[in-house]
Amino acid sequence: MKNLKVGILLGFAAGIVDIIPMMVQQLSWDANISALSMWVVVGIFISTIDWKINAILKGILIALLVLLPSAIIIGWKNPILLVPIFSMTLILGGILGFTISKINKNESGKKSLTKNIK
């Protein structure tokens, strides 16, 4: 359950970072809410899926997979719009994967340490 909370919290933080430039560009609220909710879902998936790969790569792959349906719709008529979207997805996905991995490893290490002490 702790992993899920970490995923939601850090996903929300990544979503806020992602929508700041969108708000500056005065994009519609549905686009902002969509981006924010995507990052919350990405955070949940990263924190609960147990792939035995590098944490940064895991974060990028999950973020790109979650983005894929929206990217098809966004880029169908104007593919150039996908450049900043993919850039933010690569950066935030990698950071999210790394951060969630470190936090969850620290939490599991603390649990095993307290079990050994008792």
PDB file of N, CA and C in Angstrom:
ATOM      1  N   MET A   1       0.824  -1.200   0.000  1.00  0.00           N
ATOM      2  CA  MET A   1       0.000   0.000   0.000  1.00  0.00           C
ATOM      3  C   MET A   1       0.869   1.265   0.000  1.00  0.00           C
ATOM      4  N   LYS A   2       2.027   1.177   0.656  1.00  0.00           N
ATOM      5  CA  LYS A   2       2.944   2.312   0.681  1.00  0.00           C
ATOM      6  C   LYS A   2       3.433   2.643  -0.726  1.00  0.00           C
ATOM      7  N   ASN A   3       3.711   1.595  -1.537  1.00  0.00           N
ATOM      8  CA  ASN A   3       4.147   1.819  -2.913  1.00  0.00           C
ATOM      9  C   ASN A   3       3.091   2.583  -3.698  1.00  0.00           C
ATOM     10  N   LEU A   4       1.841   2.231  -3.492  1.00  0.00           N
ATOM     11  CA  LEU A   4       0.749   2.890  -4.196  1.00  0.00           C
ATOM     12  C   LEU A   4       0.674   4.366  -3.819  1.00  0.00           C
ATOM     13  N   LYS A   5       0.803   4.668  -2.555  1.00  0.00           N
ATOM     14  CA  LYS A   5       0.776   6.068  -2.108  1.00  0.00           C
ATOM     15  C   LYS A   5       1.934   6.862  -2.698  1.00  0.00           C
ATOM     16  N   VAL A   6       3.109   6.254  -2.729  1.00  0.00           N
ATOM     17  CA  VAL A   6       4.280   6.909  -3.314  1.00  0.00           C
ATOM     18  C   VAL A   6       4.039   7.177  -4.793  1.00  0.00           C
ATOM     19  N   GLY A   7       3.490   6.191  -5.492  1.00  0.00           N
ATOM     20  CA  GLY A   7       3.208   6.342  -6.917  1.00  0.00           C
ATOM     21  C   GLY A   7       2.204   7.452  -7.198  1.00  0.00           C
ATOM     22  N   ILE A   8       1.154   7.509  -6.407  1.00  0.00           N
ATOM     23  CA  ILE A   8       0.141   8.550  -6.592  1.00  0.00           C
ATOM     24  C   ILE A   8       0.738   9.927  -6.316  1.00  0.00           C
ATOM     25  N   LEU A   9       1.445  10.055  -5.215  1.00  0.00           N
ATOM     26  CA  LEU A   9       2.011  11.354  -4.823  1.00  0.00           C
ATOM     27  C   LEU A   9       3.043  11.847  -5.842  1.00  0.00           C
ATOM     28  N   LEU A  10       3.984  10.985  -6.212  1.00  0.00           N
ATOM     29  CA  LEU A  10       5.013  11.408  -7.168  1.00  0.00           C
ATOM     30  C   LEU A  10       4.448  11.570  -8.574  1.00  0.00           C
ATOM     31  N   GLY A  11       3.447  10.774  -8.930  1.00  0.00           N
ATOM     32  CA  GLY A  11       2.782  10.952 -10.213  1.00  0.00           C
ATOM     33  C   GLY A  11       2.065  12.290 -10.281  1.00  0.00           C
ATOM     34  N   PHE A  12       1.420  12.666  -9.176  1.00  0.00           N
ATOM     35  CA  PHE A  12       0.760  13.970  -9.109  1.00  0.00           C
ATOM     36  C   PHE A  12       1.785  15.094  -9.246  1.00  0.00           C
ATOM     37  N   ALA A  13       2.933  14.945  -8.581  1.00  0.00           N
ATOM     38  CA  ALA A  13       3.993  15.959  -8.675  1.00  0.00           C
ATOM     39  C   ALA A  13       4.508  16.074 -10.115  1.00  0.00           C
ATOM     40  N   ALA A  14       4.711  14.937 -10.788  1.00  0.00           N
ATOM     41  CA  ALA A  14       5.151  14.972 -12.183  1.00  0.00           C
ATOM     42  C   ALA A  14       4.093  15.633 -13.062  1.00  0.00           C
ATOM     43  N   GLY A  15       2.823  15.377 -12.756  1.00  0.00           N
ATOM     44  CA  GLY A  15       1.740  15.998 -13.507  1.00  0.00           C
ATOM     45  C   GLY A  15       1.738  17.511 -13.364  1.00  0.00           C
ATOM     46  N   ILE A  16       1.995  17.978 -12.155  1.00  0.00           N
ATOM     47  CA  ILE A  16       2.059  19.431 -11.921  1.00  0.00           C
ATOM     48  C   ILE A  16       3.204  20.038 -12.740  1.00  0.00           C
ATOM     49  N   VAL A  17       4.358  19.369 -12.708  1.00  0.00           N
ATOM     50  CA  VAL A  17       5.500  19.857 -13.488  1.00  0.00           C
ATOM     51  C   VAL A  17       5.148  19.890 -14.980  1.00  0.00           C
ATOM     52  N   ASP A  18       4.429  18.878 -15.446  1.00  0.00           N
ATOM     53  CA  ASP A  18       4.079  18.799 -16.858  1.00  0.00           C
ATOM     54  C   ASP A  18       3.066  19.868 -17.273  1.00  0.00           C
ATOM     55  N   ILE A  19       2.132  20.198 -16.402  1.00  0.00           N
ATOM     56  CA  ILE A  19       1.092  21.144 -16.826  1.00  0.00           C
ATOM     57  C   ILE A  19       1.495  22.613 -16.645  1.00  0.00           C
ATOM     58  N   ILE A  20       2.566  22.889 -15.943  1.00  0.00           N
ATOM     59  CA  ILE A  20       2.994  24.294 -15.782  1.00  0.00           C
ATOM     60  C   ILE A  20       3.233  24.951 -17.147  1.00  0.00           C
ATOM     61  N   PRO A  21       4.020  24.335 -18.054  1.00  0.00           N
ATOM     62  CA  PRO A  21       4.171  24.982 -19.362  1.00  0.00           C
ATOM     63  C   PRO A  21       2.862  25.002 -20.154  1.00  0.00           C
ATOM     64  N   MET A  22       2.015  24.022 -19.925  1.00  0.00           N
ATOM     65  CA  MET A  22       0.727  23.996 -20.624  1.00  0.00           C
ATOM     66  C   MET A  22      -0.156  25.158 -20.175  1.00  0.00           C
ATOM     67  N   MET A  23      -0.088  25.486 -18.901  1.00  0.00           N
ATOM     68  CA  MET A  23      -0.873  26.607 -18.391  1.00  0.00           C
ATOM     69  C   MET A  23      -0.318  27.937 -18.903  1.00  0.00           C
ATOM     70  N   VAL A  24       0.994  28.023 -19.029  1.00  0.00           N
ATOM     71  CA  VAL A  24       1.610  29.233 -19.577  1.00  0.00           C
ATOM     72  C   VAL A  24       1.158  29.444 -21.028  1.00  0.00           C
ATOM     73  N   GLN A  25       1.034  28.346 -21.761  1.00  0.00           N
ATOM     74  CA  GLN A  25       0.571  28.414 -23.147  1.00  0.00           C
ATOM     75  C   GLN A  25      -0.942  28.603 -23.244  1.00  0.00           C
ATOM     76  N   GLN A  26      -1.607  28.604 -22.098  1.00  0.00           N
ATOM     77  CA  GLN A  26      -3.057  28.760 -21.998  1.00  0.00           C
ATOM     78  C   GLN A  26      -3.805  27.682 -22.777  1.00  0.00           C
ATOM     79  N   LEU A  27      -3.349  26.424 -22.624  1.00  0.00           N
ATOM     80  CA  LEU A  27      -4.062  25.311 -23.225  1.00  0.00           C
ATOM     81  C   LEU A  27      -5.346  25.051 -22.439  1.00  0.00           C
ATOM     82  N   SER A  28      -6.252  24.333 -23.043  1.00  0.00           N
ATOM     83  CA  SER A  28      -7.567  24.099 -22.425  1.00  0.00           C
ATOM     84  C   SER A  28      -7.435  23.261 -21.149  1.00  0.00           C
ATOM     85  N   TRP A  29      -8.428  23.400 -20.274  1.00  0.00           N
ATOM     86  CA  TRP A  29      -8.398  22.673 -19.010  1.00  0.00           C
ATOM     87  C   TRP A  29      -8.501  21.175 -19.214  1.00  0.00           C
ATOM     88  N   ASP A  30      -9.215  20.744 -20.260  1.00  0.00           N
ATOM     89  CA  ASP A  30      -9.297  19.304 -20.498  1.00  0.00           C
ATOM     90  C   ASP A  30      -7.922  18.722 -20.832  1.00  0.00           C
ATOM     91  N   ALA A  31      -7.101  19.474 -21.541  1.00  0.00           N
ATOM     92  CA  ALA A  31      -5.736  19.021 -21.830  1.00  0.00           C
ATOM     93  C   ALA A  31      -4.900  18.967 -20.543  1.00  0.00           C
ATOM     94  N   ASN A  32      -5.055  19.972 -19.687  1.00  0.00           N
ATOM     95  CA  ASN A  32      -4.311  19.999 -18.419  1.00  0.00           C
ATOM     96  C   ASN A  32      -4.722  18.844 -17.508  1.00  0.00           C
ATOM     97  N   ILE A  33      -6.025  18.622 -17.392  1.00  0.00           N
ATOM     98  CA  ILE A  33      -6.524  17.534 -16.541  1.00  0.00           C
ATOM     99  C   ILE A  33      -6.107  16.185 -17.102  1.00  0.00           C
ATOM    100  N   SER A  34      -6.133  16.054 -18.423  1.00  0.00           N
ATOM    101  CA  SER A  34      -5.705  14.812 -19.062  1.00  0.00           C
ATOM    102  C   SER A  34      -4.235  14.519 -18.759  1.00  0.00           C
ATOM    103  N   ALA A  35      -3.382  15.526 -18.876  1.00  0.00           N
ATOM    104  CA  ALA A  35      -1.951  15.340 -18.602  1.00  0.00           C
ATOM    105  C   ALA A  35      -1.716  14.995 -17.129  1.00  0.00           C
ATOM    106  N   LEU A  36      -2.400  15.695 -16.240  1.00  0.00           N
ATOM    107  CA  LEU A  36      -2.238  15.428 -14.811  1.00  0.00           C
ATOM    108  C   LEU A  36      -2.670  14.009 -14.476  1.00  0.00           C
ATOM    109  N   SER A  37      -3.818  13.595 -14.989  1.00  0.00           N
ATOM    110  CA  SER A  37      -4.302  12.246 -14.679  1.00  0.00           C
ATOM    111  C   SER A  37      -3.397  11.178 -15.301  1.00  0.00           C
ATOM    112  N   MET A  38      -2.832  11.461 -16.479  1.00  0.00           N
ATOM    113  CA  MET A  38      -1.908  10.509 -17.086  1.00  0.00           C
ATOM    114  C   MET A  38      -0.717  10.255 -16.167  1.00  0.00           C
ATOM    115  N   TRP A  39      -0.160  11.316 -15.583  1.00  0.00           N
ATOM    116  CA  TRP A  39       1.014  11.148 -14.731  1.00  0.00           C
ATOM    117  C   TRP A  39       0.683  10.444 -13.425  1.00  0.00           C
ATOM    118  N   VAL A  40      -0.521  10.640 -12.903  1.00  0.00           N
ATOM    119  CA  VAL A  40      -0.925   9.895 -11.698  1.00  0.00           C
ATOM    120  C   VAL A  40      -0.996   8.402 -12.034  1.00  0.00           C
ATOM    121  N   VAL A  41      -1.581   8.070 -13.181  1.00  0.00           N
ATOM    122  CA  VAL A  41      -1.653   6.665 -13.613  1.00  0.00           C
ATOM    123  C   VAL A  41      -0.255   6.105 -13.839  1.00  0.00           C
ATOM    124  N   VAL A  42       0.610   6.862 -14.472  1.00  0.00           N
ATOM    125  CA  VAL A  42       1.991   6.417 -14.703  1.00  0.00           C
ATOM    126  C   VAL A  42       2.686   6.153 -13.366  1.00  0.00           C
ATOM    127  N   GLY A  43       2.502   7.047 -12.405  1.00  0.00           N
ATOM    128  CA  GLY A  43       3.098   6.847 -11.077  1.00  0.00           C
ATOM    129  C   GLY A  43       2.602   5.575 -10.410  1.00  0.00           C
ATOM    130  N   ILE A  44       1.299   5.317 -10.521  1.00  0.00           N
ATOM    131  CA  ILE A  44       0.739   4.089  -9.947  1.00  0.00           C
ATOM    132  C   ILE A  44       1.336   2.868 -10.624  1.00  0.00           C
ATOM    133  N   PHE A  45       1.387   2.884 -11.952  1.00  0.00           N
ATOM    134  CA  PHE A  45       1.930   1.734 -12.682  1.00  0.00           C
ATOM    135  C   PHE A  45       3.404   1.508 -12.355  1.00  0.00           C
ATOM    136  N   ILE A  46       4.189   2.563 -12.339  1.00  0.00           N
ATOM    137  CA  ILE A  46       5.616   2.406 -12.047  1.00  0.00           C
ATOM    138  C   ILE A  46       5.816   1.820 -10.649  1.00  0.00           C
ATOM    139  N   SER A  47       5.029   2.268  -9.698  1.00  0.00           N
ATOM    140  CA  SER A  47       5.229   1.815  -8.323  1.00  0.00           C
ATOM    141  C   SER A  47       4.701   0.405  -8.063  1.00  0.00           C
ATOM    142  N   THR A  48       3.822  -0.105  -8.921  1.00  0.00           N
ATOM    143  CA  THR A  48       3.233  -1.424  -8.651  1.00  0.00           C
ATOM    144  C   THR A  48       3.681  -2.512  -9.617  1.00  0.00           C
ATOM    145  N   ILE A  49       4.170  -2.146 -10.798  1.00  0.00           N
ATOM    146  CA  ILE A  49       4.631  -3.149 -11.761  1.00  0.00           C
ATOM    147  C   ILE A  49       6.059  -3.550 -11.421  1.00  0.00           C
ATOM    148  N   ASP A  50       6.313  -4.852 -11.392  1.00  0.00           N
ATOM    149  CA  ASP A  50       7.624  -5.365 -10.999  1.00  0.00           C
ATOM    150  C   ASP A  50       8.358  -5.920 -12.208  1.00  0.00           C
ATOM    151  N   TRP A  51       8.907  -5.021 -13.018  1.00  0.00           N
ATOM    152  CA  TRP A  51       9.730  -5.436 -14.153  1.00  0.00           C
ATOM    153  C   TRP A  51      11.177  -5.432 -13.698  1.00  0.00           C
ATOM    154  N   LYS A  52      11.902  -6.433 -14.072  1.00  0.00           N
ATOM    155  CA  LYS A  52      13.314  -6.553 -13.683  1.00  0.00           C
ATOM    156  C   LYS A  52      14.211  -5.846 -14.700  1.00  0.00           C
ATOM    157  N   ILE A  53      13.999  -4.529 -14.827  1.00  0.00           N
ATOM    158  CA  ILE A  53      14.828  -3.720 -15.723  1.00  0.00           C
ATOM    159  C   ILE A  53      15.250  -2.466 -14.967  1.00  0.00           C
ATOM    160  N   ASN A  54      16.137  -1.708 -15.577  1.00  0.00           N
ATOM    161  CA  ASN A  54      16.592  -0.456 -14.991  1.00  0.00           C
ATOM    162  C   ASN A  54      15.387   0.431 -14.661  1.00  0.00           C
ATOM    163  N   ALA A  55      15.409   1.070 -13.509  1.00  0.00           N
ATOM    164  CA  ALA A  55      14.270   1.872 -13.048  1.00  0.00           C
ATOM    165  C   ALA A  55      13.968   3.047 -13.971  1.00  0.00           C
ATOM    166  N   ILE A  56      14.988   3.670 -14.501  1.00  0.00           N
ATOM    167  CA  ILE A  56      14.772   4.802 -15.416  1.00  0.00           C
ATOM    168  C   ILE A  56      14.116   4.317 -16.704  1.00  0.00           C
ATOM    169  N   LEU A  57      14.619   3.216 -17.242  1.00  0.00           N
ATOM    170  CA  LEU A  57      14.033   2.636 -18.448  1.00  0.00           C
ATOM    171  C   LEU A  57      12.588   2.197 -18.200  1.00  0.00           C
ATOM    172  N   LYS A  58      12.350   1.611 -17.047  1.00  0.00           N
ATOM    173  CA  LYS A  58      10.984   1.202 -16.678  1.00  0.00           C
ATOM    174  C   LYS A  58      10.051   2.403 -16.670  1.00  0.00           C
ATOM    175  N   GLY A  59      10.483   3.491 -16.076  1.00  0.00           N
ATOM    176  CA  GLY A  59       9.659   4.697 -16.022  1.00  0.00           C
ATOM    177  C   GLY A  59       9.366   5.247 -17.410  1.00  0.00           C
ATOM    178  N   ILE A  60      10.384   5.274 -18.265  1.00  0.00           N
ATOM    179  CA  ILE A  60      10.199   5.781 -19.629  1.00  0.00           C
ATOM    180  C   ILE A  60       9.246   4.881 -20.412  1.00  0.00           C
ATOM    181  N   LEU A  61       9.448   3.575 -20.329  1.00  0.00           N
ATOM    182  CA  LEU A  61       8.594   2.647 -21.077  1.00  0.00           C
ATOM    183  C   LEU A  61       7.135   2.736 -20.639  1.00  0.00           C
ATOM    184  N   ILE A  62       6.907   2.752 -19.350  1.00  0.00           N
ATOM    185  CA  ILE A  62       5.528   2.828 -18.855  1.00  0.00           C
ATOM    186  C   ILE A  62       4.900   4.154 -19.259  1.00  0.00           C
ATOM    187  N   ALA A  63       5.638   5.242 -19.132  1.00  0.00           N
ATOM    188  CA  ALA A  63       5.096   6.550 -19.506  1.00  0.00           C
ATOM    189  C   ALA A  63       4.746   6.591 -20.995  1.00  0.00           C
ATOM    190  N   LEU A  64       5.617   6.041 -21.839  1.00  0.00           N
ATOM    191  CA  LEU A  64       5.336   6.028 -23.277  1.00  0.00           C
ATOM    192  C   LEU A  64       4.153   5.131 -23.619  1.00  0.00           C
ATOM    193  N   LEU A  65       4.029   3.997 -22.942  1.00  0.00           N
ATOM    194  CA  LEU A  65       2.892   3.109 -23.189  1.00  0.00           C
ATOM    195  C   LEU A  65       1.568   3.759 -22.792  1.00  0.00           C
ATOM    196  N   VAL A  66       1.566   4.471 -21.671  1.00  0.00           N
ATOM    197  CA  VAL A  66       0.349   5.142 -21.232  1.00  0.00           C
ATOM    198  C   VAL A  66       0.012   6.307 -22.168  1.00  0.00           C
ATOM    199  N   LEU A  67       1.034   6.977 -22.675  1.00  0.00           N
ATOM    200  CA  LEU A  67       0.833   8.113 -23.582  1.00  0.00           C
ATOM    201  C   LEU A  67       0.346   7.684 -24.966  1.00  0.00           C
ATOM    202  N   LEU A  68       0.688   6.491 -25.393  1.00  0.00           N
ATOM    203  CA  LEU A  68       0.476   6.055 -26.771  1.00  0.00           C
ATOM    204  C   LEU A  68      -0.925   6.339 -27.336  1.00  0.00           C
ATOM    205  N   PRO A  69      -2.023   5.970 -26.672  1.00  0.00           N
ATOM    206  CA  PRO A  69      -3.339   6.260 -27.273  1.00  0.00           C
ATOM    207  C   PRO A  69      -3.579   7.758 -27.486  1.00  0.00           C
ATOM    208  N   SER A  70      -3.191   8.561 -26.533  1.00  0.00           N
ATOM    209  CA  SER A  70      -3.357  10.012 -26.676  1.00  0.00           C
ATOM    210  C   SER A  70      -2.435  10.562 -27.763  1.00  0.00           C
ATOM    211  N   ALA A  71      -1.243  10.018 -27.864  1.00  0.00           N
ATOM    212  CA  ALA A  71      -0.289  10.493 -28.869  1.00  0.00           C
ATOM    213  C   ALA A  71      -0.810  10.244 -30.280  1.00  0.00           C
ATOM    214  N   ILE A  72      -1.495   9.140 -30.476  1.00  0.00           N
ATOM    215  CA  ILE A  72      -2.066   8.857 -31.798  1.00  0.00           C
ATOM    216  C   ILE A  72      -3.102   9.916 -32.152  1.00  0.00           C
ATOM    217  N   ILE A  73      -3.956  10.258 -31.193  1.00  0.00           N
ATOM    218  CA  ILE A  73      -4.991  11.267 -31.442  1.00  0.00           C
ATOM    219  C   ILE A  73      -4.365  12.644 -31.648  1.00  0.00           C
ATOM    220  N   ILE A  74      -3.415  13.005 -30.787  1.00  0.00           N
ATOM    221  CA  ILE A  74      -2.788  14.331 -30.869  1.00  0.00           C
ATOM    222  C   ILE A  74      -1.989  14.488 -32.160  1.00  0.00           C
ATOM    223  N   GLY A  75      -1.237  13.470 -32.531  1.00  0.00           N
ATOM    224  CA  GLY A  75      -0.317  13.593 -33.646  1.00  0.00           C
ATOM    225  C   GLY A  75      -0.876  13.211 -35.004  1.00  0.00           C
ATOM    226  N   TRP A  76      -2.113  12.767 -35.057  1.00  0.00           N
ATOM    227  CA  TRP A  76      -2.658  12.289 -36.328  1.00  0.00           C
ATOM    228  C   TRP A  76      -2.616  13.356 -37.422  1.00  0.00           C
ATOM    229  N   LYS A  77      -3.082  14.566 -37.089  1.00  0.00           N
ATOM    230  CA  LYS A  77      -3.133  15.633 -38.089  1.00  0.00           C
ATOM    231  C   LYS A  77      -1.915  16.552 -38.036  1.00  0.00           C
ATOM    232  N   ASN A  78      -1.271  16.627 -36.885  1.00  0.00           N
ATOM    233  CA  ASN A  78      -0.144  17.536 -36.735  1.00  0.00           C
ATOM    234  C   ASN A  78       0.955  16.869 -35.897  1.00  0.00           C
ATOM    235  N   PRO A  79       1.742  15.997 -36.501  1.00  0.00           N
ATOM    236  CA  PRO A  79       2.746  15.230 -35.754  1.00  0.00           C
ATOM    237  C   PRO A  79       3.789  16.074 -35.031  1.00  0.00           C
ATOM    238  N   ILE A  80       4.034  17.293 -35.475  1.00  0.00           N
ATOM    239  CA  ILE A  80       5.051  18.140 -34.839  1.00  0.00           C
ATOM    240  C   ILE A  80       4.679  18.467 -33.388  1.00  0.00           C
ATOM    241  N   LEU A  81       3.388  18.394 -33.072  1.00  0.00           N
ATOM    242  CA  LEU A  81       2.954  18.647 -31.700  1.00  0.00           C
ATOM    243  C   LEU A  81       3.482  17.591 -30.728  1.00  0.00           C
ATOM    244  N   LEU A  82       3.883  16.452 -31.249  1.00  0.00           N
ATOM    245  CA  LEU A  82       4.349  15.370 -30.379  1.00  0.00           C
ATOM    246  C   LEU A  82       5.773  15.579 -29.865  1.00  0.00           C
ATOM    247  N   VAL A  83       6.530  16.462 -30.477  1.00  0.00           N
ATOM    248  CA  VAL A  83       7.929  16.661 -30.057  1.00  0.00           C
ATOM    249  C   VAL A  83       8.025  17.099 -28.589  1.00  0.00           C
ATOM    250  N   PRO A  84       7.339  18.174 -28.162  1.00  0.00           N
ATOM    251  CA  PRO A  84       7.446  18.538 -26.751  1.00  0.00           C
ATOM    252  C   PRO A  84       6.774  17.525 -25.815  1.00  0.00           C
ATOM    253  N   ILE A  85       5.743  16.874 -26.312  1.00  0.00           N
ATOM    254  CA  ILE A  85       5.054  15.872 -25.476  1.00  0.00           C
ATOM    255  C   ILE A  85       5.973  14.690 -25.213  1.00  0.00           C
ATOM    256  N   PHE A  86       6.614  14.175 -26.265  1.00  0.00           N
ATOM    257  CA  PHE A  86       7.543  13.056 -26.080  1.00  0.00           C
ATOM    258  C   PHE A  86       8.756  13.469 -25.254  1.00  0.00           C
ATOM    259  N   SER A  87       9.214  14.706 -25.422  1.00  0.00           N
ATOM    260  CA  SER A  87      10.353  15.182 -24.632  1.00  0.00           C
ATOM    261  C   SER A  87      10.030  15.161 -23.140  1.00  0.00           C
ATOM    262  N   MET A  88       8.890  15.732 -22.778  1.00  0.00           N
ATOM    263  CA  MET A  88       8.489  15.746 -21.363  1.00  0.00           C
ATOM    264  C   MET A  88       8.244  14.328 -20.851  1.00  0.00           C
ATOM    265  N   THR A  89       7.681  13.472 -21.695  1.00  0.00           N
ATOM    266  CA  THR A  89       7.409  12.096 -21.285  1.00  0.00           C
ATOM    267  C   THR A  89       8.702  11.344 -21.012  1.00  0.00           C
ATOM    268  N   LEU A  90       9.702  11.516 -21.860  1.00  0.00           N
ATOM    269  CA  LEU A  90      10.988  10.852 -21.631  1.00  0.00           C
ATOM    270  C   LEU A  90      11.650  11.353 -20.352  1.00  0.00           C
ATOM    271  N   ILE A  91      11.662  12.670 -20.175  1.00  0.00           N
ATOM    272  CA  ILE A  91      12.328  13.253 -18.999  1.00  0.00           C
ATOM    273  C   ILE A  91      11.592  12.889 -17.716  1.00  0.00           C
ATOM    274  N   LEU A  92      10.295  13.174 -17.669  1.00  0.00           N
ATOM    275  CA  LEU A  92       9.540  12.922 -16.434  1.00  0.00           C
ATOM    276  C   LEU A  92       9.382  11.427 -16.159  1.00  0.00           C
ATOM    277  N   GLY A  93       9.238  10.618 -17.201  1.00  0.00           N
ATOM    278  CA  GLY A  93       9.130   9.170 -17.000  1.00  0.00           C
ATOM    279  C   GLY A  93      10.396   8.604 -16.382  1.00  0.00           C
ATOM    280  N   GLY A  94      11.551   9.032 -16.876  1.00  0.00           N
ATOM    281  CA  GLY A  94      12.816   8.572 -16.311  1.00  0.00           C
ATOM    282  C   GLY A  94      13.018   9.024 -14.877  1.00  0.00           C
ATOM    283  N   ILE A  95      12.713  10.282 -14.622  1.00  0.00           N
ATOM    284  CA  ILE A  95      12.847  10.815 -13.257  1.00  0.00           C
ATOM    285  C   ILE A  95      11.889  10.100 -12.303  1.00  0.00           C
ATOM    286  N   LEU A  96      10.664   9.900 -12.765  1.00  0.00           N
ATOM    287  CA  LEU A  96       9.666   9.229 -11.926  1.00  0.00           C
ATOM    288  C   LEU A  96      10.079   7.791 -11.637  1.00  0.00           C
ATOM    289  N   GLY A  97      10.556   7.078 -12.662  1.00  0.00           N
ATOM    290  CA  GLY A  97      11.007   5.701 -12.450  1.00  0.00           C
ATOM    291  C   GLY A  97      12.149   5.620 -11.452  1.00  0.00           C
ATOM    292  N   PHE A  98      13.123   6.494 -11.607  1.00  0.00           N
ATOM    293  CA  PHE A  98      14.276   6.520 -10.700  1.00  0.00           C
ATOM    294  C   PHE A  98      13.858   6.855  -9.269  1.00  0.00           C
ATOM    295  N   THR A  99      13.042   7.907  -9.117  1.00  0.00           N
ATOM    296  CA  THR A  99      12.648   8.371  -7.783  1.00  0.00           C
ATOM    297  C   THR A  99      11.782   7.351  -7.062  1.00  0.00           C
ATOM    298  N   ILE A 100      10.801   6.803  -7.757  1.00  0.00           N
ATOM    299  CA  ILE A 100       9.930   5.802  -7.128  1.00  0.00           C
ATOM    300  C   ILE A 100      10.746   4.584  -6.724  1.00  0.00           C
ATOM    301  N   SER A 101      11.671   4.158  -7.570  1.00  0.00           N
ATOM    302  CA  SER A 101      12.515   3.012  -7.247  1.00  0.00           C
ATOM    303  C   SER A 101      13.337   3.261  -5.989  1.00  0.00           C
ATOM    304  N   LYS A 102      13.951   4.436  -5.896  1.00  0.00           N
ATOM    305  CA  LYS A 102      14.778   4.746  -4.721  1.00  0.00           C
ATOM    306  C   LYS A 102      13.942   4.808  -3.445  1.00  0.00           C
ATOM    307  N   ILE A 103      12.793   5.445  -3.515  1.00  0.00           N
ATOM    308  CA  ILE A 103      11.945   5.562  -2.322  1.00  0.00           C
ATOM    309  C   ILE A 103      11.441   4.195  -1.890  1.00  0.00           C
ATOM    310  N   ASN A 104      10.981   3.385  -2.843  1.00  0.00           N
ATOM    311  CA  ASN A 104      10.455   2.066  -2.492  1.00  0.00           C
ATOM    312  C   ASN A 104      11.553   1.141  -1.980  1.00  0.00           C
ATOM    313  N   LYS A 105      12.782   1.253  -2.501  1.00  0.00           N
ATOM    314  CA  LYS A 105      13.890   0.445  -1.992  1.00  0.00           C
ATOM    315  C   LYS A 105      14.234   0.848  -0.567  1.00  0.00           C
ATOM    316  N   ASN A 106      14.219   2.151  -0.292  1.00  0.00           N
ATOM    317  CA  ASN A 106      14.501   2.621   1.068  1.00  0.00           C
ATOM    318  C   ASN A 106      13.449   2.135   2.044  1.00  0.00           C
ATOM    319  N   GLU A 107      12.188   2.145   1.629  1.00  0.00           N
ATOM    320  CA  GLU A 107      11.108   1.689   2.498  1.00  0.00           C
ATOM    321  C   GLU A 107      11.215   0.194   2.762  1.00  0.00           C
ATOM    322  N   SER A 108      11.496  -0.601   1.724  1.00  0.00           N
ATOM    323  CA  SER A 108      11.598  -2.048   1.925  1.00  0.00           C
ATOM    324  C   SER A 108      12.841  -2.389   2.746  1.00  0.00           C
ATOM    325  N   GLY A 109      13.906  -1.618   2.593  1.00  0.00           N
ATOM    326  CA  GLY A 109      15.116  -1.829   3.391  1.00  0.00           C
ATOM    327  C   GLY A 109      14.879  -1.551   4.860  1.00  0.00           C
ATOM    328  N   LYS A 110      14.094  -0.525   5.151  1.00  0.00           N
ATOM    329  CA  LYS A 110      13.766  -0.200   6.535  1.00  0.00           C
ATOM    330  C   LYS A 110      12.913  -1.295   7.155  1.00  0.00           C
ATOM    331  N   LYS A 111      11.981  -1.862   6.381  1.00  0.00           N
ATOM    332  CA  LYS A 111      11.114  -2.927   6.901  1.00  0.00           C
ATOM    333  C   LYS A 111      11.930  -4.152   7.236  1.00  0.00           C
ATOM    334  N   SER A 112      12.833  -4.556   6.340  1.00  0.00           N
ATOM    335  CA  SER A 112      13.616  -5.753   6.599  1.00  0.00           C
ATOM    336  C   SER A 112      14.588  -5.511   7.762  1.00  0.00           C
ATOM    337  N   LEU A 113      15.080  -4.322   7.915  1.00  0.00           N
ATOM    338  CA  LEU A 113      15.975  -4.005   9.012  1.00  0.00           C
ATOM    339  C   LEU A 113      15.245  -4.105  10.341  1.00  0.00           C
ATOM    340  N   THR A 114      14.010  -3.584  10.415  1.00  0.00           N
ATOM    341  CA  THR A 114      13.264  -3.651  11.662  1.00  0.00           C
ATOM    342  C   THR A 114      12.840  -5.082  11.958  1.00  0.00           C
ATOM    343  N   LYS A 115      12.605  -5.928  10.955  1.00  0.00           N
ATOM    344  CA  LYS A 115      12.281  -7.332  11.198  1.00  0.00           C
ATOM    345  C   LYS A 115      13.477  -8.032  11.814  1.00  0.00           C
ATOM    346  N   ASN A 116      14.682  -7.735  11.327  1.00  0.00           N
ATOM    347  CA  ASN A 116      15.897  -8.370  11.817  1.00  0.00           C
ATOM    348  C   ASN A 116      16.210  -7.937  13.243  1.00  0.00           C
ATOM    349  N   ILE A 117      15.882  -6.721  13.606  1.00  0.00           N
ATOM    350  CA  ILE A 117      16.164  -6.215  14.947  1.00  0.00           C
ATOM    351  C   ILE A 117      15.253  -6.878  15.972  1.00  0.00           C
ATOM    352  N   LYS A 118      14.005  -7.076  15.583  1.00  0.00           N
ATOM    353  CA  LYS A 118      13.036  -7.710  16.522  1.00  0.00           C
ATOM    354  C   LYS A 118      13.375  -9.132  16.661  1.00  0.00           C
TER     355      LYS A 118
END
